[in-house]
């Protein structure tokens, strides 16, 4: 299960983290976000130990999304050692999400 991120814990969960972190920016009213949510949770379990995955509700914590220039949701932002590596906008299948994560990790 992905961990909830908020504006108050974003820096410690993402910017201060060593290794890979994926943040799913979403909102309750977003249909594609709701489709992606169980996929994010499954990938979080399957890739535990390789990557930390967090979900940030942009309605409850808009500051972090604004600072990163998030304009559409769902948006997935991949970080390594606190630095932004890559961004994907829109819903993905489980297979596509895992491939995207692994391709970024393999490129490092």
PDB file of N, CA and C in Angstrom:
ATOM      1  N   UNK A   1       0.837  -1.181   0.000  1.00  0.00           N
ATOM      2  CA  UNK A   1       0.000   0.000   0.000  1.00  0.00           C
ATOM      3  C   UNK A   1       0.883   1.247   0.000  1.00  0.00           C
ATOM      4  N   UNK A   2       0.592   2.146  -0.902  1.00  0.00           N
ATOM      5  CA  UNK A   2       1.347   3.395  -0.978  1.00  0.00           C
ATOM      6  C   UNK A   2       1.055   4.253   0.254  1.00  0.00           C
ATOM      7  N   UNK A   3       2.040   5.016   0.656  1.00  0.00           N
ATOM      8  CA  UNK A   3       1.926   5.876   1.836  1.00  0.00           C
ATOM      9  C   UNK A   3       1.398   7.243   1.405  1.00  0.00           C
ATOM     10  N   UNK A   4       0.507   7.817   2.197  1.00  0.00           N
ATOM     11  CA  UNK A   4      -0.013   9.147   1.898  1.00  0.00           C
ATOM     12  C   UNK A   4       1.035  10.203   2.195  1.00  0.00           C
ATOM     13  N   UNK A   5       1.224  11.071   1.233  1.00  0.00           N
ATOM     14  CA  UNK A   5       2.118  12.209   1.413  1.00  0.00           C
ATOM     15  C   UNK A   5       1.253  13.461   1.583  1.00  0.00           C
ATOM     16  N   UNK A   6       1.776  14.419   2.312  1.00  0.00           N
ATOM     17  CA  UNK A   6       1.099  15.702   2.510  1.00  0.00           C
ATOM     18  C   UNK A   6       2.137  16.806   2.332  1.00  0.00           C
ATOM     19  N   UNK A   7       1.656  18.046   2.296  1.00  0.00           N
ATOM     20  CA  UNK A   7       2.607  19.155   2.212  1.00  0.00           C
ATOM     21  C   UNK A   7       3.565  19.150   3.400  1.00  0.00           C
ATOM     22  N   UNK A   8       3.075  18.744   4.565  1.00  0.00           N
ATOM     23  CA  UNK A   8       3.916  18.798   5.764  1.00  0.00           C
ATOM     24  C   UNK A   8       4.988  17.702   5.813  1.00  0.00           C
ATOM     25  N   UNK A   9       4.748  16.549   5.170  1.00  0.00           N
ATOM     26  CA  UNK A   9       5.773  15.490   5.214  1.00  0.00           C
ATOM     27  C   UNK A   9       6.457  15.260   3.865  1.00  0.00           C
ATOM     28  N   UNK A  10       6.107  16.047   2.848  1.00  0.00           N
ATOM     29  CA  UNK A  10       6.634  15.824   1.504  1.00  0.00           C
ATOM     30  C   UNK A  10       8.163  15.879   1.465  1.00  0.00           C
ATOM     31  N   UNK A  11       8.738  16.892   2.064  1.00  0.00           N
ATOM     32  CA  UNK A  11      10.207  17.043   2.027  1.00  0.00           C
ATOM     33  C   UNK A  11      10.898  15.836   2.642  1.00  0.00           C
ATOM     34  N   UNK A  12      10.412  15.363   3.792  1.00  0.00           N
ATOM     35  CA  UNK A  12      11.072  14.221   4.439  1.00  0.00           C
ATOM     36  C   UNK A  12      10.848  12.924   3.664  1.00  0.00           C
ATOM     37  N   UNK A  13       9.678  12.749   3.065  1.00  0.00           N
ATOM     38  CA  UNK A  13       9.398  11.527   2.311  1.00  0.00           C
ATOM     39  C   UNK A  13      10.074  11.500   0.949  1.00  0.00           C
ATOM     40  N   UNK A  14      10.250  12.674   0.341  1.00  0.00           N
ATOM     41  CA  UNK A  14      10.729  12.719  -1.043  1.00  0.00           C
ATOM     42  C   UNK A  14      12.116  13.352  -1.155  1.00  0.00           C
ATOM     43  N   UNK A  15      12.238  14.617  -0.805  1.00  0.00           N
ATOM     44  CA  UNK A  15      13.497  15.328  -1.020  1.00  0.00           C
ATOM     45  C   UNK A  15      14.631  14.823  -0.133  1.00  0.00           C
ATOM     46  N   UNK A  16      14.313  14.368   1.066  1.00  0.00           N
ATOM     47  CA  UNK A  16      15.345  13.899   1.992  1.00  0.00           C
ATOM     48  C   UNK A  16      15.614  12.400   1.874  1.00  0.00           C
ATOM     49  N   UNK A  17      14.928  11.709   0.978  1.00  0.00           N
ATOM     50  CA  UNK A  17      15.056  10.253   0.856  1.00  0.00           C
ATOM     51  C   UNK A  17      16.237   9.856  -0.018  1.00  0.00           C
ATOM     52  N   UNK A  18      16.841   8.758   0.347  1.00  0.00           N
ATOM     53  CA  UNK A  18      17.870   8.134  -0.484  1.00  0.00           C
ATOM     54  C   UNK A  18      17.185   7.049  -1.303  1.00  0.00           C
ATOM     55  N   UNK A  19      17.593   6.913  -2.538  1.00  0.00           N
ATOM     56  CA  UNK A  19      17.003   5.893  -3.399  1.00  0.00           C
ATOM     57  C   UNK A  19      15.854   6.451  -4.223  1.00  0.00           C
ATOM     58  N   UNK A  20      15.041   5.537  -4.731  1.00  0.00           N
ATOM     59  CA  UNK A  20      13.963   5.897  -5.647  1.00  0.00           C
ATOM     60  C   UNK A  20      12.644   6.107  -4.915  1.00  0.00           C
ATOM     61  N   UNK A  21      11.943   7.173  -5.312  1.00  0.00           N
ATOM     62  CA  UNK A  21      10.640   7.512  -4.742  1.00  0.00           C
ATOM     63  C   UNK A  21       9.717   7.887  -5.897  1.00  0.00           C
ATOM     64  N   UNK A  22       8.516   7.335  -5.879  1.00  0.00           N
ATOM     65  CA  UNK A  22       7.491   7.688  -6.854  1.00  0.00           C
ATOM     66  C   UNK A  22       6.350   8.366  -6.120  1.00  0.00           C
ATOM     67  N   UNK A  23       5.897   9.511  -6.641  1.00  0.00           N
ATOM     68  CA  UNK A  23       4.767  10.210  -6.051  1.00  0.00           C
ATOM     69  C   UNK A  23       3.642  10.266  -7.083  1.00  0.00           C
ATOM     70  N   UNK A  24       2.462   9.812  -6.652  1.00  0.00           N
ATOM     71  CA  UNK A  24       1.253   9.863  -7.456  1.00  0.00           C
ATOM     72  C   UNK A  24       0.443  11.072  -6.997  1.00  0.00           C
ATOM     73  N   UNK A  25       0.334  12.089  -7.858  1.00  0.00           N
ATOM     74  CA  UNK A  25      -0.474  13.267  -7.558  1.00  0.00           C
ATOM     75  C   UNK A  25      -1.883  13.000  -8.076  1.00  0.00           C
ATOM     76  N   UNK A  26      -2.877  13.075  -7.181  1.00  0.00           N
ATOM     77  CA  UNK A  26      -4.240  12.664  -7.528  1.00  0.00           C
ATOM     78  C   UNK A  26      -5.249  13.538  -6.788  1.00  0.00           C
ATOM     79  N   UNK A  27      -6.547  13.313  -7.098  1.00  0.00           N
ATOM     80  CA  UNK A  27      -7.643  13.961  -6.379  1.00  0.00           C
ATOM     81  C   UNK A  27      -8.838  13.011  -6.379  1.00  0.00           C
ATOM     82  N   UNK A  28      -9.680  13.164  -5.366  1.00  0.00           N
ATOM     83  CA  UNK A  28     -10.843  12.295  -5.180  1.00  0.00           C
ATOM     84  C   UNK A  28     -11.802  12.339  -6.368  1.00  0.00           C
ATOM     85  N   UNK A  29     -11.951  13.488  -6.993  1.00  0.00           N
ATOM     86  CA  UNK A  29     -12.913  13.686  -8.080  1.00  0.00           C
ATOM     87  C   UNK A  29     -12.398  13.216  -9.443  1.00  0.00           C
ATOM     88  N   UNK A  30     -11.158  12.770  -9.514  1.00  0.00           N
ATOM     89  CA  UNK A  30     -10.497  12.415 -10.779  1.00  0.00           C
ATOM     90  C   UNK A  30     -10.729  10.934 -11.119  1.00  0.00           C
ATOM     91  N   UNK A  31     -11.486  10.672 -12.168  1.00  0.00           N
ATOM     92  CA  UNK A  31     -11.772   9.300 -12.594  1.00  0.00           C
ATOM     93  C   UNK A  31     -10.528   8.485 -12.922  1.00  0.00           C
ATOM     94  N   UNK A  32      -9.635   8.992 -13.796  1.00  0.00           N
ATOM     95  CA  UNK A  32      -8.410   8.241 -14.103  1.00  0.00           C
ATOM     96  C   UNK A  32      -7.543   7.985 -12.863  1.00  0.00           C
ATOM     97  N   UNK A  33      -7.588   8.910 -11.899  1.00  0.00           N
ATOM     98  CA  UNK A  33      -6.829   8.726 -10.648  1.00  0.00           C
ATOM     99  C   UNK A  33      -7.368   7.513  -9.887  1.00  0.00           C
ATOM    100  N   UNK A  34      -8.686   7.375  -9.859  1.00  0.00           N
ATOM    101  CA  UNK A  34      -9.307   6.245  -9.161  1.00  0.00           C
ATOM    102  C   UNK A  34      -8.966   4.931  -9.847  1.00  0.00           C
ATOM    103  N   UNK A  35      -8.852   4.941 -11.181  1.00  0.00           N
ATOM    104  CA  UNK A  35      -8.448   3.745 -11.920  1.00  0.00           C
ATOM    105  C   UNK A  35      -7.002   3.374 -11.599  1.00  0.00           C
ATOM    106  N   UNK A  36      -6.164   4.374 -11.458  1.00  0.00           N
ATOM    107  CA  UNK A  36      -4.733   4.149 -11.229  1.00  0.00           C
ATOM    108  C   UNK A  36      -4.427   3.730  -9.792  1.00  0.00           C
ATOM    109  N   UNK A  37      -5.246   4.132  -8.851  1.00  0.00           N
ATOM    110  CA  UNK A  37      -4.973   3.900  -7.431  1.00  0.00           C
ATOM    111  C   UNK A  37      -4.670   2.443  -7.070  1.00  0.00           C
ATOM    112  N   UNK A  38      -5.506   1.457  -7.480  1.00  0.00           N
ATOM    113  CA  UNK A  38      -5.174   0.075  -7.128  1.00  0.00           C
ATOM    114  C   UNK A  38      -3.896  -0.421  -7.810  1.00  0.00           C
ATOM    115  N   UNK A  39      -3.614   0.109  -8.990  1.00  0.00           N
ATOM    116  CA  UNK A  39      -2.376  -0.253  -9.698  1.00  0.00           C
ATOM    117  C   UNK A  39      -1.177   0.238  -8.901  1.00  0.00           C
ATOM    118  N   UNK A  40      -1.259   1.474  -8.423  1.00  0.00           N
ATOM    119  CA  UNK A  40      -0.179   2.049  -7.610  1.00  0.00           C
ATOM    120  C   UNK A  40       0.053   1.195  -6.366  1.00  0.00           C
ATOM    121  N   UNK A  41      -1.043   0.780  -5.706  1.00  0.00           N
ATOM    122  CA  UNK A  41      -0.927  -0.038  -4.492  1.00  0.00           C
ATOM    123  C   UNK A  41      -0.275  -1.383  -4.781  1.00  0.00           C
ATOM    124  N   UNK A  42      -0.654  -2.023  -5.896  1.00  0.00           N
ATOM    125  CA  UNK A  42      -0.056  -3.319  -6.261  1.00  0.00           C
ATOM    126  C   UNK A  42       1.428  -3.179  -6.551  1.00  0.00           C
ATOM    127  N   UNK A  43       1.785  -2.166  -7.316  1.00  0.00           N
ATOM    128  CA  UNK A  43       3.195  -1.945  -7.666  1.00  0.00           C
ATOM    129  C   UNK A  43       3.997  -1.604  -6.417  1.00  0.00           C
ATOM    130  N   UNK A  44       3.395  -0.865  -5.499  1.00  0.00           N
ATOM    131  CA  UNK A  44       4.055  -0.529  -4.240  1.00  0.00           C
ATOM    132  C   UNK A  44       4.437  -1.792  -3.470  1.00  0.00           C
ATOM    133  N   UNK A  45       3.531  -2.760  -3.429  1.00  0.00           N
ATOM    134  CA  UNK A  45       3.810  -4.024  -2.742  1.00  0.00           C
ATOM    135  C   UNK A  45       4.858  -4.836  -3.496  1.00  0.00           C
ATOM    136  N   UNK A  46       4.711  -4.943  -4.812  1.00  0.00           N
ATOM    137  CA  UNK A  46       5.614  -5.773  -5.616  1.00  0.00           C
ATOM    138  C   UNK A  46       7.034  -5.229  -5.668  1.00  0.00           C
ATOM    139  N   UNK A  47       7.175  -3.914  -5.615  1.00  0.00           N
ATOM    140  CA  UNK A  47       8.503  -3.310  -5.756  1.00  0.00           C
ATOM    141  C   UNK A  47       9.057  -2.798  -4.429  1.00  0.00           C
ATOM    142  N   UNK A  48       8.456  -3.259  -3.324  1.00  0.00           N
ATOM    143  CA  UNK A  48       8.929  -2.864  -1.996  1.00  0.00           C
ATOM    144  C   UNK A  48      10.413  -3.221  -1.877  1.00  0.00           C
ATOM    145  N   UNK A  49      11.195  -2.307  -1.354  1.00  0.00           N
ATOM    146  CA  UNK A  49      12.633  -2.529  -1.244  1.00  0.00           C
ATOM    147  C   UNK A  49      13.399  -1.934  -2.414  1.00  0.00           C
ATOM    148  N   UNK A  50      12.706  -1.704  -3.541  1.00  0.00           N
ATOM    149  CA  UNK A  50      13.326  -1.099  -4.717  1.00  0.00           C
ATOM    150  C   UNK A  50      12.971   0.372  -4.819  1.00  0.00           C
ATOM    151  N   UNK A  51      11.707   0.675  -4.479  1.00  0.00           N
ATOM    152  CA  UNK A  51      11.200   2.033  -4.615  1.00  0.00           C
ATOM    153  C   UNK A  51      10.151   2.302  -3.540  1.00  0.00           C
ATOM    154  N   UNK A  52      10.121   3.528  -3.046  1.00  0.00           N
ATOM    155  CA  UNK A  52       9.063   3.955  -2.120  1.00  0.00           C
ATOM    156  C   UNK A  52       8.007   4.675  -2.942  1.00  0.00           C
ATOM    157  N   UNK A  53       6.741   4.353  -2.704  1.00  0.00           N
ATOM    158  CA  UNK A  53       5.658   4.968  -3.472  1.00  0.00           C
ATOM    159  C   UNK A  53       4.707   5.692  -2.525  1.00  0.00           C
ATOM    160  N   UNK A  54       4.394   6.940  -2.890  1.00  0.00           N
ATOM    161  CA  UNK A  54       3.531   7.789  -2.087  1.00  0.00           C
ATOM    162  C   UNK A  54       2.430   8.386  -2.953  1.00  0.00           C
ATOM    163  N   UNK A  55       1.283   8.667  -2.316  1.00  0.00           N
ATOM    164  CA  UNK A  55       0.168   9.327  -2.992  1.00  0.00           C
ATOM    165  C   UNK A  55      -0.066  10.667  -2.318  1.00  0.00           C
ATOM    166  N   UNK A  56      -0.207  11.722  -3.145  1.00  0.00           N
ATOM    167  CA  UNK A  56      -0.470  13.044  -2.601  1.00  0.00           C
ATOM    168  C   UNK A  56      -1.764  13.576  -3.212  1.00  0.00           C
ATOM    169  N   UNK A  57      -2.751  13.829  -2.357  1.00  0.00           N
ATOM    170  CA  UNK A  57      -4.022  14.391  -2.772  1.00  0.00           C
ATOM    171  C   UNK A  57      -3.824  15.895  -2.963  1.00  0.00           C
ATOM    172  N   UNK A  58      -3.952  16.357  -4.211  1.00  0.00           N
ATOM    173  CA  UNK A  58      -3.652  17.759  -4.507  1.00  0.00           C
ATOM    174  C   UNK A  58      -4.668  18.729  -3.919  1.00  0.00           C
ATOM    175  N   UNK A  59      -5.869  18.249  -3.620  1.00  0.00           N
ATOM    176  CA  UNK A  59      -6.863  19.126  -2.992  1.00  0.00           C
ATOM    177  C   UNK A  59      -6.543  19.364  -1.520  1.00  0.00           C
ATOM    178  N   UNK A  60      -5.999  18.349  -0.852  1.00  0.00           N
ATOM    179  CA  UNK A  60      -5.659  18.459   0.565  1.00  0.00           C
ATOM    180  C   UNK A  60      -4.265  19.049   0.776  1.00  0.00           C
ATOM    181  N   UNK A  61      -3.386  18.873  -0.201  1.00  0.00           N
ATOM    182  CA  UNK A  61      -2.004  19.356  -0.099  1.00  0.00           C
ATOM    183  C   UNK A  61      -1.573  19.982  -1.433  1.00  0.00           C
ATOM    184  N   UNK A  62      -2.071  21.171  -1.735  1.00  0.00           N
ATOM    185  CA  UNK A  62      -1.778  21.778  -3.040  1.00  0.00           C
ATOM    186  C   UNK A  62      -0.377  22.370  -3.187  1.00  0.00           C
ATOM    187  N   UNK A  63       0.277  22.673  -2.080  1.00  0.00           N
ATOM    188  CA  UNK A  63       1.561  23.370  -2.128  1.00  0.00           C
ATOM    189  C   UNK A  63       2.644  22.570  -2.856  1.00  0.00           C
ATOM    190  N   UNK A  64       2.775  21.294  -2.528  1.00  0.00           N
ATOM    191  CA  UNK A  64       3.814  20.455  -3.145  1.00  0.00           C
ATOM    192  C   UNK A  64       3.575  20.306  -4.639  1.00  0.00           C
ATOM    193  N   UNK A  65       2.320  20.114  -5.028  1.00  0.00           N
ATOM    194  CA  UNK A  65       1.986  19.981  -6.450  1.00  0.00           C
ATOM    195  C   UNK A  65       2.299  21.272  -7.200  1.00  0.00           C
ATOM    196  N   UNK A  66       1.976  22.407  -6.600  1.00  0.00           N
ATOM    197  CA  UNK A  66       2.227  23.709  -7.223  1.00  0.00           C
ATOM    198  C   UNK A  66       3.722  23.924  -7.417  1.00  0.00           C
ATOM    199  N   UNK A  67       4.521  23.617  -6.392  1.00  0.00           N
ATOM    200  CA  UNK A  67       5.978  23.803  -6.479  1.00  0.00           C
ATOM    201  C   UNK A  67       6.591  22.978  -7.605  1.00  0.00           C
ATOM    202  N   UNK A  68       6.005  21.801  -7.873  1.00  0.00           N
ATOM    203  CA  UNK A  68       6.530  20.930  -8.930  1.00  0.00           C
ATOM    204  C   UNK A  68       5.877  21.204 -10.286  1.00  0.00           C
ATOM    205  N   UNK A  69       4.960  22.158 -10.345  1.00  0.00           N
ATOM    206  CA  UNK A  69       4.334  22.519 -11.605  1.00  0.00           C
ATOM    207  C   UNK A  69       3.334  21.487 -12.118  1.00  0.00           C
ATOM    208  N   UNK A  70       2.708  20.740 -11.215  1.00  0.00           N
ATOM    209  CA  UNK A  70       1.723  19.734 -11.614  1.00  0.00           C
ATOM    210  C   UNK A  70       0.480  20.461 -12.126  1.00  0.00           C
ATOM    211  N   UNK A  71       0.109  20.199 -13.387  1.00  0.00           N
ATOM    212  CA  UNK A  71      -1.026  20.883 -14.009  1.00  0.00           C
ATOM    213  C   UNK A  71      -2.175  19.927 -14.328  1.00  0.00           C
ATOM    214  N   UNK A  72      -1.873  18.655 -14.483  1.00  0.00           N
ATOM    215  CA  UNK A  72      -2.887  17.642 -14.805  1.00  0.00           C
ATOM    216  C   UNK A  72      -2.715  16.477 -13.846  1.00  0.00           C
ATOM    217  N   UNK A  73      -3.812  15.766 -13.619  1.00  0.00           N
ATOM    218  CA  UNK A  73      -3.720  14.564 -12.787  1.00  0.00           C
ATOM    219  C   UNK A  73      -4.444  13.428 -13.483  1.00  0.00           C
ATOM    220  N   UNK A  74      -4.059  12.196 -13.242  1.00  0.00           N
ATOM    221  CA  UNK A  74      -2.941  11.810 -12.382  1.00  0.00           C
ATOM    222  C   UNK A  74      -1.591  12.137 -13.027  1.00  0.00           C
ATOM    223  N   UNK A  75      -0.680  12.572 -12.201  1.00  0.00           N
ATOM    224  CA  UNK A  75       0.708  12.776 -12.612  1.00  0.00           C
ATOM    225  C   UNK A  75       1.596  11.970 -11.683  1.00  0.00           C
ATOM    226  N   UNK A  76       2.505  11.222 -12.280  1.00  0.00           N
ATOM    227  CA  UNK A  76       3.473  10.424 -11.529  1.00  0.00           C
ATOM    228  C   UNK A  76       4.840  11.075 -11.683  1.00  0.00           C
ATOM    229  N   UNK A  77       5.488  11.342 -10.569  1.00  0.00           N
ATOM    230  CA  UNK A  77       6.822  11.945 -10.595  1.00  0.00           C
ATOM    231  C   UNK A  77       7.784  10.987  -9.907  1.00  0.00           C
ATOM    232  N   UNK A  78       8.834  10.627 -10.619  1.00  0.00           N
ATOM    233  CA  UNK A  78       9.855   9.714 -10.108  1.00  0.00           C
ATOM    234  C   UNK A  78      11.077  10.512  -9.676  1.00  0.00           C
ATOM    235  N   UNK A  79      11.533  10.248  -8.464  1.00  0.00           N
ATOM    236  CA  UNK A  79      12.697  10.919  -7.889  1.00  0.00           C
ATOM    237  C   UNK A  79      13.779   9.898  -7.565  1.00  0.00           C
ATOM    238  N   UNK A  80      15.026  10.355  -7.592  1.00  0.00           N
ATOM    239  CA  UNK A  80      16.139   9.551  -7.072  1.00  0.00           C
ATOM    240  C   UNK A  80      16.966  10.471  -6.188  1.00  0.00           C
ATOM    241  N   UNK A  81      17.174  10.036  -4.946  1.00  0.00           N
ATOM    242  CA  UNK A  81      17.948  10.814  -3.975  1.00  0.00           C
ATOM    243  C   UNK A  81      17.452  12.261  -3.893  1.00  0.00           C
ATOM    244  N   UNK A  82      16.126  12.429  -3.942  1.00  0.00           N
ATOM    245  CA  UNK A  82      15.518  13.736  -3.782  1.00  0.00           C
ATOM    246  C   UNK A  82      15.451  14.601  -5.029  1.00  0.00           C
ATOM    247  N   UNK A  83      15.969  14.101  -6.149  1.00  0.00           N
ATOM    248  CA  UNK A  83      15.961  14.880  -7.386  1.00  0.00           C
ATOM    249  C   UNK A  83      14.995  14.261  -8.389  1.00  0.00           C
ATOM    250  N   UNK A  84      14.236  15.117  -9.068  1.00  0.00           N
ATOM    251  CA  UNK A  84      13.252  14.654 -10.037  1.00  0.00           C
ATOM    252  C   UNK A  84      13.950  14.010 -11.232  1.00  0.00           C
ATOM    253  N   UNK A  85      13.532  12.766 -11.546  1.00  0.00           N
ATOM    254  CA  UNK A  85      14.094  12.027 -12.673  1.00  0.00           C
ATOM    255  C   UNK A  85      13.198  12.080 -13.899  1.00  0.00           C
ATOM    256  N   UNK A  86      11.902  11.810 -13.700  1.00  0.00           N
ATOM    257  CA  UNK A  86      10.990  11.687 -14.836  1.00  0.00           C
ATOM    258  C   UNK A  86       9.556  11.937 -14.377  1.00  0.00           C
ATOM    259  N   UNK A  87       8.699  12.262 -15.343  1.00  0.00           N
ATOM    260  CA  UNK A  87       7.296  12.558 -15.071  1.00  0.00           C
ATOM    261  C   UNK A  87       6.435  11.853 -16.108  1.00  0.00           C
ATOM    262  N   UNK A  88       5.339  11.270 -15.656  1.00  0.00           N
ATOM    263  CA  UNK A  88       4.321  10.689 -16.557  1.00  0.00           C
ATOM    264  C   UNK A  88       2.976  11.258 -16.167  1.00  0.00           C
ATOM    265  N   UNK A  89       2.217  11.690 -17.164  1.00  0.00           N
ATOM    266  CA  UNK A  89       0.881  12.227 -16.934  1.00  0.00           C
ATOM    267  C   UNK A  89      -0.131  11.261 -17.516  1.00  0.00           C
ATOM    268  N   UNK A  90      -1.164  10.963 -16.737  1.00  0.00           N
ATOM    269  CA  UNK A  90      -2.219  10.063 -17.194  1.00  0.00           C
ATOM    270  C   UNK A  90      -2.114   8.705 -16.542  1.00  0.00           C
ATOM    271  N   UNK A  91      -3.171   7.934 -16.723  1.00  0.00           N
ATOM    272  CA  UNK A  91      -3.238   6.604 -16.131  1.00  0.00           C
ATOM    273  C   UNK A  91      -2.383   5.618 -16.922  1.00  0.00           C
ATOM    274  N   UNK A  92      -1.823   4.648 -16.238  1.00  0.00           N
ATOM    275  CA  UNK A  92      -0.999   3.610 -16.863  1.00  0.00           C
ATOM    276  C   UNK A  92      -1.488   2.244 -16.417  1.00  0.00           C
ATOM    277  N   UNK A  93      -1.247   1.246 -17.244  1.00  0.00           N
ATOM    278  CA  UNK A  93      -1.495  -0.127 -16.811  1.00  0.00           C
ATOM    279  C   UNK A  93      -0.381  -0.517 -15.845  1.00  0.00           C
ATOM    280  N   UNK A  94      -0.595  -1.576 -15.111  1.00  0.00           N
ATOM    281  CA  UNK A  94       0.415  -2.068 -14.169  1.00  0.00           C
ATOM    282  C   UNK A  94       1.717  -2.388 -14.908  1.00  0.00           C
ATOM    283  N   UNK A  95       1.597  -3.072 -16.035  1.00  0.00           N
ATOM    284  CA  UNK A  95       2.777  -3.443 -16.823  1.00  0.00           C
ATOM    285  C   UNK A  95       3.529  -2.200 -17.298  1.00  0.00           C
ATOM    286  N   UNK A  96       2.791  -1.219 -17.820  1.00  0.00           N
ATOM    287  CA  UNK A  96       3.426   0.009 -18.307  1.00  0.00           C
ATOM    288  C   UNK A  96       4.090   0.784 -17.173  1.00  0.00           C
ATOM    289  N   UNK A  97       3.458   0.813 -16.010  1.00  0.00           N
ATOM    290  CA  UNK A  97       4.024   1.518 -14.864  1.00  0.00           C
ATOM    291  C   UNK A  97       5.331   0.857 -14.419  1.00  0.00           C
ATOM    292  N   UNK A  98       5.321  -0.453 -14.293  1.00  0.00           N
ATOM    293  CA  UNK A  98       6.536  -1.174 -13.886  1.00  0.00           C
ATOM    294  C   UNK A  98       7.642  -0.976 -14.921  1.00  0.00           C
ATOM    295  N   UNK A  99       7.302  -1.050 -16.208  1.00  0.00           N
ATOM    296  CA  UNK A  99       8.313  -0.849 -17.261  1.00  0.00           C
ATOM    297  C   UNK A  99       8.912   0.553 -17.189  1.00  0.00           C
ATOM    298  N   UNK A 100       8.053   1.555 -16.955  1.00  0.00           N
ATOM    299  CA  UNK A 100       8.532   2.941 -16.864  1.00  0.00           C
ATOM    300  C   UNK A 100       9.488   3.102 -15.684  1.00  0.00           C
ATOM    301  N   UNK A 101       9.112   2.561 -14.534  1.00  0.00           N
ATOM    302  CA  UNK A 101       9.974   2.641 -13.347  1.00  0.00           C
ATOM    303  C   UNK A 101      11.300   1.948 -13.608  1.00  0.00           C
ATOM    304  N   UNK A 102      11.236   0.694 -14.101  1.00  0.00           N
ATOM    305  CA  UNK A 102      12.463  -0.076 -14.335  1.00  0.00           C
ATOM    306  C   UNK A 102      13.366   0.566 -15.386  1.00  0.00           C
ATOM    307  N   UNK A 103      12.776   1.151 -16.424  1.00  0.00           N
ATOM    308  CA  UNK A 103      13.604   1.786 -17.460  1.00  0.00           C
ATOM    309  C   UNK A 103      14.366   2.978 -16.882  1.00  0.00           C
ATOM    310  N   UNK A 104      13.749   3.709 -15.973  1.00  0.00           N
ATOM    311  CA  UNK A 104      14.435   4.823 -15.327  1.00  0.00           C
ATOM    312  C   UNK A 104      15.515   4.336 -14.368  1.00  0.00           C
ATOM    313  N   UNK A 105      15.235   3.278 -13.626  1.00  0.00           N
ATOM    314  CA  UNK A 105      16.228   2.732 -12.708  1.00  0.00           C
ATOM    315  C   UNK A 105      17.407   2.166 -13.492  1.00  0.00           C
ATOM    316  N   UNK A 106      17.126   1.441 -14.579  1.00  0.00           N
ATOM    317  CA  UNK A 106      18.182   0.842 -15.384  1.00  0.00           C
ATOM    318  C   UNK A 106      19.054   1.899 -16.068  1.00  0.00           C
ATOM    319  N   UNK A 107      18.471   3.068 -16.347  1.00  0.00           N
ATOM    320  CA  UNK A 107      19.202   4.138 -17.023  1.00  0.00           C
ATOM    321  C   UNK A 107      20.182   4.856 -16.098  1.00  0.00           C
ATOM    322  N   UNK A 108      20.053   4.622 -14.808  1.00  0.00           N
ATOM    323  CA  UNK A 108      20.893   5.329 -13.841  1.00  0.00           C
ATOM    324  C   UNK A 108      22.261   4.726 -13.727  1.00  0.00           C
TER     325      UNK A 108
END
